């Protein structure tokens, strides 16, 4: 399953600070329909993320009814992405 969307980069200042993009509700709903097939616990869904010409693997997770995608610092630096930027994201979810 491959989905694409755009969203704003936001920063979480928790104990492990990180940058995220929230998957819009309609796309999150599509993902929820297949999440049980791929989750490995706590709602974590393994994905391949593509941002510009940079791709990496990670796991997104549910938050407030939608999924959130963590952005690796290496990818943000390569694509010159900062907090508040609008970005286009493609997600690949491997469903066996």
PDB file of N, CA and C in Angstrom:
ATOM      1  N   UNK A   1       0.849  -1.173   0.000  1.00  0.00           N
ATOM      2  CA  UNK A   1       0.000   0.000   0.000  1.00  0.00           C
ATOM      3  C   UNK A   1       0.894   1.235   0.000  1.00  0.00           C
ATOM      4  N   UNK A   2       0.607   2.156  -0.902  1.00  0.00           N
ATOM      5  CA  UNK A   2       1.342   3.417  -0.967  1.00  0.00           C
ATOM      6  C   UNK A   2       0.350   4.559  -0.858  1.00  0.00           C
ATOM      7  N   UNK A   3       0.650   5.520  -0.004  1.00  0.00           N
ATOM      8  CA  UNK A   3      -0.178   6.715   0.139  1.00  0.00           C
ATOM      9  C   UNK A   3       0.721   7.940   0.104  1.00  0.00           C
ATOM     10  N   UNK A   4       0.148   9.051  -0.340  1.00  0.00           N
ATOM     11  CA  UNK A   4       0.901  10.307  -0.377  1.00  0.00           C
ATOM     12  C   UNK A   4       0.023  11.412   0.205  1.00  0.00           C
ATOM     13  N   UNK A   5       0.663  12.374   0.831  1.00  0.00           N
ATOM     14  CA  UNK A   5      -0.065  13.482   1.441  1.00  0.00           C
ATOM     15  C   UNK A   5       0.898  14.631   1.681  1.00  0.00           C
ATOM     16  N   UNK A   6       0.360  15.787   2.037  1.00  0.00           N
ATOM     17  CA  UNK A   6       1.204  16.895   2.476  1.00  0.00           C
ATOM     18  C   UNK A   6       0.782  17.301   3.870  1.00  0.00           C
ATOM     19  N   UNK A   7       1.728  17.830   4.603  1.00  0.00           N
ATOM     20  CA  UNK A   7       1.456  18.252   5.961  1.00  0.00           C
ATOM     21  C   UNK A   7       2.547  19.158   6.483  1.00  0.00           C
ATOM     22  N   UNK A   8       2.274  19.730   7.643  1.00  0.00           N
ATOM     23  CA  UNK A   8       3.216  20.663   8.261  1.00  0.00           C
ATOM     24  C   UNK A   8       4.145  19.933   9.229  1.00  0.00           C
ATOM     25  N   UNK A   9       5.397  20.283   9.193  1.00  0.00           N
ATOM     26  CA  UNK A   9       6.393  19.715  10.105  1.00  0.00           C
ATOM     27  C   UNK A   9       6.223  20.386  11.467  1.00  0.00           C
ATOM     28  N   UNK A  10       6.143  19.557  12.517  1.00  0.00           N
ATOM     29  CA  UNK A  10       6.037  20.099  13.881  1.00  0.00           C
ATOM     30  C   UNK A  10       7.058  19.420  14.776  1.00  0.00           C
ATOM     31  N   UNK A  11       7.373  20.103  15.853  1.00  0.00           N
ATOM     32  CA  UNK A  11       8.437  19.679  16.764  1.00  0.00           C
ATOM     33  C   UNK A  11       7.836  19.304  18.106  1.00  0.00           C
ATOM     34  N   UNK A  12       8.223  18.136  18.600  1.00  0.00           N
ATOM     35  CA  UNK A  12       7.790  17.685  19.918  1.00  0.00           C
ATOM     36  C   UNK A  12       8.970  17.809  20.865  1.00  0.00           C
ATOM     37  N   UNK A  13       8.775  18.541  21.939  1.00  0.00           N
ATOM     38  CA  UNK A  13       9.865  18.822  22.872  1.00  0.00           C
ATOM     39  C   UNK A  13       9.863  17.885  24.082  1.00  0.00           C
ATOM     40  N   UNK A  14       9.469  16.665  23.871  1.00  0.00           N
ATOM     41  CA  UNK A  14       9.408  15.709  24.976  1.00  0.00           C
ATOM     42  C   UNK A  14      10.781  15.255  25.413  1.00  0.00           C
ATOM     43  N   UNK A  15      10.821  14.191  26.206  1.00  0.00           N
ATOM     44  CA  UNK A  15      12.103  13.693  26.690  1.00  0.00           C
ATOM     45  C   UNK A  15      13.028  13.258  25.549  1.00  0.00           C
ATOM     46  N   UNK A  16      12.441  12.860  24.427  1.00  0.00           N
ATOM     47  CA  UNK A  16      13.231  12.534  23.240  1.00  0.00           C
ATOM     48  C   UNK A  16      12.718  13.433  22.122  1.00  0.00           C
ATOM     49  N   UNK A  17      13.241  14.653  21.988  1.00  0.00           N
ATOM     50  CA  UNK A  17      12.703  15.598  21.007  1.00  0.00           C
ATOM     51  C   UNK A  17      12.817  15.073  19.576  1.00  0.00           C
ATOM     52  N   UNK A  18      11.809  15.377  18.783  1.00  0.00           N
ATOM     53  CA  UNK A  18      11.777  14.881  17.414  1.00  0.00           C
ATOM     54  C   UNK A  18      10.849  15.733  16.581  1.00  0.00           C
ATOM     55  N   UNK A  19      11.025  15.680  15.264  1.00  0.00           N
ATOM     56  CA  UNK A  19      10.148  16.353  14.312  1.00  0.00           C
ATOM     57  C   UNK A  19       9.202  15.323  13.703  1.00  0.00           C
ATOM     58  N   UNK A  20       7.955  15.744  13.468  1.00  0.00           N
ATOM     59  CA  UNK A  20       6.926  14.858  12.946  1.00  0.00           C
ATOM     60  C   UNK A  20       6.110  15.555  11.877  1.00  0.00           C
ATOM     61  N   UNK A  21       5.371  14.763  11.102  1.00  0.00           N
ATOM     62  CA  UNK A  21       4.312  15.237  10.222  1.00  0.00           C
ATOM     63  C   UNK A  21       3.099  14.372  10.534  1.00  0.00           C
ATOM     64  N   UNK A  22       1.955  15.012  10.739  1.00  0.00           N
ATOM     65  CA  UNK A  22       0.714  14.288  11.011  1.00  0.00           C
ATOM     66  C   UNK A  22       0.069  13.866   9.698  1.00  0.00           C
ATOM     67  N   UNK A  23      -0.298  12.604   9.609  1.00  0.00           N
ATOM     68  CA  UNK A  23      -1.004  12.083   8.440  1.00  0.00           C
ATOM     69  C   UNK A  23      -2.445  12.592   8.518  1.00  0.00           C
ATOM     70  N   UNK A  24      -2.965  13.220   7.461  1.00  0.00           N
ATOM     71  CA  UNK A  24      -4.337  13.727   7.500  1.00  0.00           C
ATOM     72  C   UNK A  24      -5.356  12.628   7.806  1.00  0.00           C
ATOM     73  N   UNK A  25      -6.467  13.013   8.404  1.00  0.00           N
ATOM     74  CA  UNK A  25      -7.491  12.057   8.846  1.00  0.00           C
ATOM     75  C   UNK A  25      -7.947  11.094   7.752  1.00  0.00           C
ATOM     76  N   UNK A  26      -8.272  11.551   6.532  1.00  0.00           N
ATOM     77  CA  UNK A  26      -8.725  10.584   5.519  1.00  0.00           C
ATOM     78  C   UNK A  26      -7.666   9.527   5.185  1.00  0.00           C
ATOM     79  N   UNK A  27      -6.401   9.951   5.118  1.00  0.00           N
ATOM     80  CA  UNK A  27      -5.315   9.005   4.816  1.00  0.00           C
ATOM     81  C   UNK A  27      -5.080   8.090   6.019  1.00  0.00           C
ATOM     82  N   UNK A  28      -5.154   8.659   7.228  1.00  0.00           N
ATOM     83  CA  UNK A  28      -5.010   7.839   8.441  1.00  0.00           C
ATOM     84  C   UNK A  28      -6.075   6.752   8.485  1.00  0.00           C
ATOM     85  N   UNK A  29      -7.279   7.075   8.041  1.00  0.00           N
ATOM     86  CA  UNK A  29      -8.362   6.079   8.036  1.00  0.00           C
ATOM     87  C   UNK A  29      -8.036   4.931   7.088  1.00  0.00           C
ATOM     88  N   UNK A  30      -7.485   5.252   5.921  1.00  0.00           N
ATOM     89  CA  UNK A  30      -7.067   4.205   4.977  1.00  0.00           C
ATOM     90  C   UNK A  30      -6.030   3.294   5.626  1.00  0.00           C
ATOM     91  N   UNK A  31      -5.086   3.889   6.325  1.00  0.00           N
ATOM     92  CA  UNK A  31      -4.024   3.122   6.974  1.00  0.00           C
ATOM     93  C   UNK A  31      -4.600   2.252   8.086  1.00  0.00           C
ATOM     94  N   UNK A  32      -5.542   2.790   8.861  1.00  0.00           N
ATOM     95  CA  UNK A  32      -6.152   2.029   9.959  1.00  0.00           C
ATOM     96  C   UNK A  32      -6.798   0.743   9.457  1.00  0.00           C
ATOM     97  N   UNK A  33      -7.299   0.774   8.230  1.00  0.00           N
ATOM     98  CA  UNK A  33      -7.961  -0.405   7.664  1.00  0.00           C
ATOM     99  C   UNK A  33      -6.999  -1.565   7.439  1.00  0.00           C
ATOM    100  N   UNK A  34      -5.704  -1.292   7.315  1.00  0.00           N
ATOM    101  CA  UNK A  34      -4.725  -2.364   7.100  1.00  0.00           C
ATOM    102  C   UNK A  34      -3.721  -2.482   8.245  1.00  0.00           C
ATOM    103  N   UNK A  35      -3.783  -1.576   9.193  1.00  0.00           N
ATOM    104  CA  UNK A  35      -2.775  -1.539  10.263  1.00  0.00           C
ATOM    105  C   UNK A  35      -2.666  -2.845  11.033  1.00  0.00           C
ATOM    106  N   UNK A  36      -3.787  -3.500  11.291  1.00  0.00           N
ATOM    107  CA  UNK A  36      -3.754  -4.750  12.059  1.00  0.00           C
ATOM    108  C   UNK A  36      -2.921  -5.830  11.367  1.00  0.00           C
ATOM    109  N   UNK A  37      -2.767  -5.724  10.059  1.00  0.00           N
ATOM    110  CA  UNK A  37      -2.000  -6.715   9.307  1.00  0.00           C
ATOM    111  C   UNK A  37      -0.493  -6.524   9.446  1.00  0.00           C
ATOM    112  N   UNK A  38      -0.068  -5.313   9.851  1.00  0.00           N
ATOM    113  CA  UNK A  38       1.362  -5.016   9.852  1.00  0.00           C
ATOM    114  C   UNK A  38       1.911  -4.506  11.183  1.00  0.00           C
ATOM    115  N   UNK A  39       1.056  -4.123  12.111  1.00  0.00           N
ATOM    116  CA  UNK A  39       1.541  -3.531  13.360  1.00  0.00           C
ATOM    117  C   UNK A  39       2.349  -4.540  14.162  1.00  0.00           C
ATOM    118  N   UNK A  40       3.338  -4.041  14.869  1.00  0.00           N
ATOM    119  CA  UNK A  40       4.127  -4.924  15.721  1.00  0.00           C
ATOM    120  C   UNK A  40       3.963  -4.555  17.195  1.00  0.00           C
ATOM    121  N   UNK A  41       2.886  -3.902  17.531  1.00  0.00           N
ATOM    122  CA  UNK A  41       2.588  -3.576  18.921  1.00  0.00           C
ATOM    123  C   UNK A  41       2.421  -2.087  19.136  1.00  0.00           C
ATOM    124  N   UNK A  42       1.612  -1.734  20.103  1.00  0.00           N
ATOM    125  CA  UNK A  42       1.328  -0.344  20.469  1.00  0.00           C
ATOM    126  C   UNK A  42       0.850   0.498  19.294  1.00  0.00           C
ATOM    127  N   UNK A  43       0.338  -0.149  18.256  1.00  0.00           N
ATOM    128  CA  UNK A  43      -0.152   0.577  17.094  1.00  0.00           C
ATOM    129  C   UNK A  43       0.921   1.039  16.130  1.00  0.00           C
ATOM    130  N   UNK A  44       2.168   0.644  16.382  1.00  0.00           N
ATOM    131  CA  UNK A  44       3.275   1.041  15.504  1.00  0.00           C
ATOM    132  C   UNK A  44       3.115   0.379  14.134  1.00  0.00           C
ATOM    133  N   UNK A  45       3.254   1.171  13.079  1.00  0.00           N
ATOM    134  CA  UNK A  45       3.123   0.663  11.720  1.00  0.00           C
ATOM    135  C   UNK A  45       4.441   0.934  10.981  1.00  0.00           C
ATOM    136  N   UNK A  46       5.153  -0.123  10.577  1.00  0.00           N
ATOM    137  CA  UNK A  46       6.411   0.073   9.858  1.00  0.00           C
ATOM    138  C   UNK A  46       6.144   0.629   8.454  1.00  0.00           C
ATOM    139  N   UNK A  47       6.943   1.620   8.065  1.00  0.00           N
ATOM    140  CA  UNK A  47       6.757   2.265   6.768  1.00  0.00           C
ATOM    141  C   UNK A  47       8.095   2.642   6.147  1.00  0.00           C
ATOM    142  N   UNK A  48       8.076   2.762   4.830  1.00  0.00           N
ATOM    143  CA  UNK A  48       9.173   3.406   4.113  1.00  0.00           C
ATOM    144  C   UNK A  48       8.659   4.798   3.790  1.00  0.00           C
ATOM    145  N   UNK A  49       9.397   5.807   4.211  1.00  0.00           N
ATOM    146  CA  UNK A  49       9.010   7.204   4.023  1.00  0.00           C
ATOM    147  C   UNK A  49       9.870   7.807   2.920  1.00  0.00           C
ATOM    148  N   UNK A  50       9.237   8.571   2.035  1.00  0.00           N
ATOM    149  CA  UNK A  50       9.989   9.325   1.045  1.00  0.00           C
ATOM    150  C   UNK A  50       9.620  10.793   1.191  1.00  0.00           C
ATOM    151  N   UNK A  51      10.645  11.606   1.363  1.00  0.00           N
ATOM    152  CA  UNK A  51      10.522  13.058   1.478  1.00  0.00           C
ATOM    153  C   UNK A  51      11.485  13.644   0.456  1.00  0.00           C
ATOM    154  N   UNK A  52      10.962  14.233  -0.603  1.00  0.00           N
ATOM    155  CA  UNK A  52      11.828  14.706  -1.678  1.00  0.00           C
ATOM    156  C   UNK A  52      12.549  13.532  -2.309  1.00  0.00           C
ATOM    157  N   UNK A  53      13.865  13.595  -2.355  1.00  0.00           N
ATOM    158  CA  UNK A  53      14.641  12.486  -2.923  1.00  0.00           C
ATOM    159  C   UNK A  53      15.252  11.599  -1.846  1.00  0.00           C
ATOM    160  N   UNK A  54      14.827  11.809  -0.588  1.00  0.00           N
ATOM    161  CA  UNK A  54      15.364  11.040   0.532  1.00  0.00           C
ATOM    162  C   UNK A  54      14.330  10.027   1.017  1.00  0.00           C
ATOM    163  N   UNK A  55      14.780   8.788   1.219  1.00  0.00           N
ATOM    164  CA  UNK A  55      13.885   7.732   1.706  1.00  0.00           C
ATOM    165  C   UNK A  55      14.541   7.030   2.888  1.00  0.00           C
ATOM    166  N   UNK A  56      13.711   6.555   3.822  1.00  0.00           N
ATOM    167  CA  UNK A  56      14.193   5.818   4.985  1.00  0.00           C
ATOM    168  C   UNK A  56      13.051   4.979   5.546  1.00  0.00           C
ATOM    169  N   UNK A  57      13.406   4.036   6.395  1.00  0.00           N
ATOM    170  CA  UNK A  57      12.389   3.236   7.059  1.00  0.00           C
ATOM    171  C   UNK A  57      12.267   3.683   8.507  1.00  0.00           C
ATOM    172  N   UNK A  58      11.043   3.613   9.011  1.00  0.00           N
ATOM    173  CA  UNK A  58      10.739   3.991  10.385  1.00  0.00           C
ATOM    174  C   UNK A  58       9.403   3.349  10.743  1.00  0.00           C
ATOM    175  N   UNK A  59       8.849   3.759  11.843  1.00  0.00           N
ATOM    176  CA  UNK A  59       7.506   3.307  12.216  1.00  0.00           C
ATOM    177  C   UNK A  59       6.703   4.541  12.621  1.00  0.00           C
ATOM    178  N   UNK A  60       5.498   4.632  12.102  1.00  0.00           N
ATOM    179  CA  UNK A  60       4.613   5.712  12.520  1.00  0.00           C
ATOM    180  C   UNK A  60       3.683   5.153  13.583  1.00  0.00           C
ATOM    181  N   UNK A  61       3.038   6.033  14.316  1.00  0.00           N
ATOM    182  CA  UNK A  61       2.169   5.571  15.391  1.00  0.00           C
ATOM    183  C   UNK A  61       0.973   6.500  15.538  1.00  0.00           C
ATOM    184  N   UNK A  62      -0.092   5.983  16.164  1.00  0.00           N
ATOM    185  CA  UNK A  62      -1.313   6.777  16.286  1.00  0.00           C
ATOM    186  C   UNK A  62      -1.194   7.842  17.374  1.00  0.00           C
ATOM    187  N   UNK A  63      -1.818   8.987  17.094  1.00  0.00           N
ATOM    188  CA  UNK A  63      -1.887  10.079  18.068  1.00  0.00           C
ATOM    189  C   UNK A  63      -3.126  10.900  17.730  1.00  0.00           C
ATOM    190  N   UNK A  64      -4.020  10.996  18.697  1.00  0.00           N
ATOM    191  CA  UNK A  64      -5.234  11.804  18.556  1.00  0.00           C
ATOM    192  C   UNK A  64      -6.028  11.470  17.300  1.00  0.00           C
ATOM    193  N   UNK A  65      -6.181  10.182  16.994  1.00  0.00           N
ATOM    194  CA  UNK A  65      -7.017   9.733  15.883  1.00  0.00           C
ATOM    195  C   UNK A  65      -6.336   9.691  14.526  1.00  0.00           C
ATOM    196  N   UNK A  66      -5.112  10.173  14.439  1.00  0.00           N
ATOM    197  CA  UNK A  66      -4.359  10.128  13.186  1.00  0.00           C
ATOM    198  C   UNK A  66      -3.020   9.459  13.457  1.00  0.00           C
ATOM    199  N   UNK A  67      -2.278   9.208  12.404  1.00  0.00           N
ATOM    200  CA  UNK A  67      -0.919   8.695  12.562  1.00  0.00           C
ATOM    201  C   UNK A  67       0.055   9.852  12.468  1.00  0.00           C
ATOM    202  N   UNK A  68       1.209   9.701  13.117  1.00  0.00           N
ATOM    203  CA  UNK A  68       2.274  10.685  12.976  1.00  0.00           C
ATOM    204  C   UNK A  68       3.530   9.984  12.479  1.00  0.00           C
ATOM    205  N   UNK A  69       4.238  10.675  11.595  1.00  0.00           N
ATOM    206  CA  UNK A  69       5.436  10.136  10.960  1.00  0.00           C
ATOM    207  C   UNK A  69       6.657  10.885  11.495  1.00  0.00           C
ATOM    208  N   UNK A  70       7.585  10.169  12.131  1.00  0.00           N
ATOM    209  CA  UNK A  70       8.813  10.833  12.591  1.00  0.00           C
ATOM    210  C   UNK A  70       9.740  11.120  11.409  1.00  0.00           C
ATOM    211  N   UNK A  71      10.328  12.302  11.425  1.00  0.00           N
ATOM    212  CA  UNK A  71      11.269  12.683  10.379  1.00  0.00           C
ATOM    213  C   UNK A  71      12.687  12.594  10.923  1.00  0.00           C
ATOM    214  N   UNK A  72      13.491  11.771  10.298  1.00  0.00           N
ATOM    215  CA  UNK A  72      14.881  11.642  10.740  1.00  0.00           C
ATOM    216  C   UNK A  72      15.634  12.929  10.451  1.00  0.00           C
ATOM    217  N   UNK A  73      16.523  13.294  11.377  1.00  0.00           N
ATOM    218  CA  UNK A  73      17.323  14.511  11.206  1.00  0.00           C
ATOM    219  C   UNK A  73      18.114  14.481   9.900  1.00  0.00           C
ATOM    220  N   UNK A  74      18.641  13.324   9.559  1.00  0.00           N
ATOM    221  CA  UNK A  74      19.423  13.184   8.330  1.00  0.00           C
ATOM    222  C   UNK A  74      18.573  13.539   7.105  1.00  0.00           C
ATOM    223  N   UNK A  75      17.323  13.103   7.101  1.00  0.00           N
ATOM    224  CA  UNK A  75      16.424  13.397   5.983  1.00  0.00           C
ATOM    225  C   UNK A  75      16.043  14.872   5.968  1.00  0.00           C
ATOM    226  N   UNK A  76      15.757  15.436   7.137  1.00  0.00           N
ATOM    227  CA  UNK A  76      15.398  16.851   7.207  1.00  0.00           C
ATOM    228  C   UNK A  76      16.544  17.723   6.711  1.00  0.00           C
ATOM    229  N   UNK A  77      17.765  17.383   7.118  1.00  0.00           N
ATOM    230  CA  UNK A  77      18.935  18.144   6.693  1.00  0.00           C
ATOM    231  C   UNK A  77      19.130  18.021   5.183  1.00  0.00           C
ATOM    232  N   UNK A  78      19.033  16.808   4.656  1.00  0.00           N
ATOM    233  CA  UNK A  78      19.230  16.578   3.226  1.00  0.00           C
ATOM    234  C   UNK A  78      18.210  17.340   2.386  1.00  0.00           C
ATOM    235  N   UNK A  79      16.985  17.461   2.908  1.00  0.00           N
ATOM    236  CA  UNK A  79      15.912  18.112   2.151  1.00  0.00           C
ATOM    237  C   UNK A  79      15.678  19.559   2.589  1.00  0.00           C
ATOM    238  N   UNK A  80      16.512  20.061   3.512  1.00  0.00           N
ATOM    239  CA  UNK A  80      16.397  21.434   4.009  1.00  0.00           C
ATOM    240  C   UNK A  80      14.982  21.719   4.545  1.00  0.00           C
ATOM    241  N   UNK A  81      14.515  20.856   5.440  1.00  0.00           N
ATOM    242  CA  UNK A  81      13.174  20.948   6.009  1.00  0.00           C
ATOM    243  C   UNK A  81      13.270  21.381   7.471  1.00  0.00           C
ATOM    244  N   UNK A  82      12.417  22.334   7.841  1.00  0.00           N
ATOM    245  CA  UNK A  82      12.401  22.853   9.202  1.00  0.00           C
ATOM    246  C   UNK A  82      10.986  22.872   9.767  1.00  0.00           C
ATOM    247  N   UNK A  83      10.884  23.110  11.056  1.00  0.00           N
ATOM    248  CA  UNK A  83       9.590  23.221  11.722  1.00  0.00           C
ATOM    249  C   UNK A  83       8.731  24.263  11.006  1.00  0.00           C
ATOM    250  N   UNK A  84       7.460  23.900  10.782  1.00  0.00           N
ATOM    251  CA  UNK A  84       6.514  24.806  10.132  1.00  0.00           C
ATOM    252  C   UNK A  84       6.457  24.673   8.621  1.00  0.00           C
ATOM    253  N   UNK A  85       7.425  23.975   8.022  1.00  0.00           N
ATOM    254  CA  UNK A  85       7.408  23.784   6.567  1.00  0.00           C
ATOM    255  C   UNK A  85       6.285  22.839   6.151  1.00  0.00           C
ATOM    256  N   UNK A  86       5.703  23.090   4.991  1.00  0.00           N
ATOM    257  CA  UNK A  86       4.754  22.163   4.368  1.00  0.00           C
ATOM    258  C   UNK A  86       5.573  21.212   3.516  1.00  0.00           C
ATOM    259  N   UNK A  87       5.374  19.917   3.688  1.00  0.00           N
ATOM    260  CA  UNK A  87       6.144  18.927   2.938  1.00  0.00           C
ATOM    261  C   UNK A  87       5.217  17.912   2.298  1.00  0.00           C
ATOM    262  N   UNK A  88       5.708  17.289   1.248  1.00  0.00           N
ATOM    263  CA  UNK A  88       5.009  16.178   0.599  1.00  0.00           C
ATOM    264  C   UNK A  88       5.684  14.891   1.027  1.00  0.00           C
ATOM    265  N   UNK A  89       4.869  13.970   1.511  1.00  0.00           N
ATOM    266  CA  UNK A  89       5.361  12.692   2.036  1.00  0.00           C
ATOM    267  C   UNK A  89       4.703  11.550   1.266  1.00  0.00           C
ATOM    268  N   UNK A  90       5.476  10.528   0.950  1.00  0.00           N
ATOM    269  CA  UNK A  90       4.946   9.277   0.406  1.00  0.00           C
ATOM    270  C   UNK A  90       5.281   8.181   1.412  1.00  0.00           C
ATOM    271  N   UNK A  91       4.314   7.326   1.698  1.00  0.00           N
ATOM    272  CA  UNK A  91       4.500   6.208   2.623  1.00  0.00           C
ATOM    273  C   UNK A  91       4.243   4.899   1.902  1.00  0.00           C
ATOM    274  N   UNK A  92       5.109   3.932   2.116  1.00  0.00           N
ATOM    275  CA  UNK A  92       4.897   2.575   1.611  1.00  0.00           C
ATOM    276  C   UNK A  92       4.736   1.656   2.809  1.00  0.00           C
ATOM    277  N   UNK A  93       3.627   0.932   2.826  1.00  0.00           N
ATOM    278  CA  UNK A  93       3.360  -0.022   3.894  1.00  0.00           C
ATOM    279  C   UNK A  93       3.338  -1.400   3.247  1.00  0.00           C
ATOM    280  N   UNK A  94       4.257  -2.255   3.660  1.00  0.00           N
ATOM    281  CA  UNK A  94       4.346  -3.598   3.080  1.00  0.00           C
ATOM    282  C   UNK A  94       3.301  -4.498   3.726  1.00  0.00           C
ATOM    283  N   UNK A  95       2.358  -4.942   2.923  1.00  0.00           N
ATOM    284  CA  UNK A  95       1.311  -5.851   3.389  1.00  0.00           C
ATOM    285  C   UNK A  95       1.539  -7.192   2.704  1.00  0.00           C
ATOM    286  N   UNK A  96       1.821  -8.191   3.490  1.00  0.00           N
ATOM    287  CA  UNK A  96       2.103  -9.518   2.909  1.00  0.00           C
ATOM    288  C   UNK A  96       0.839 -10.238   2.526  1.00  0.00           C
TER     289      UNK A  96
END
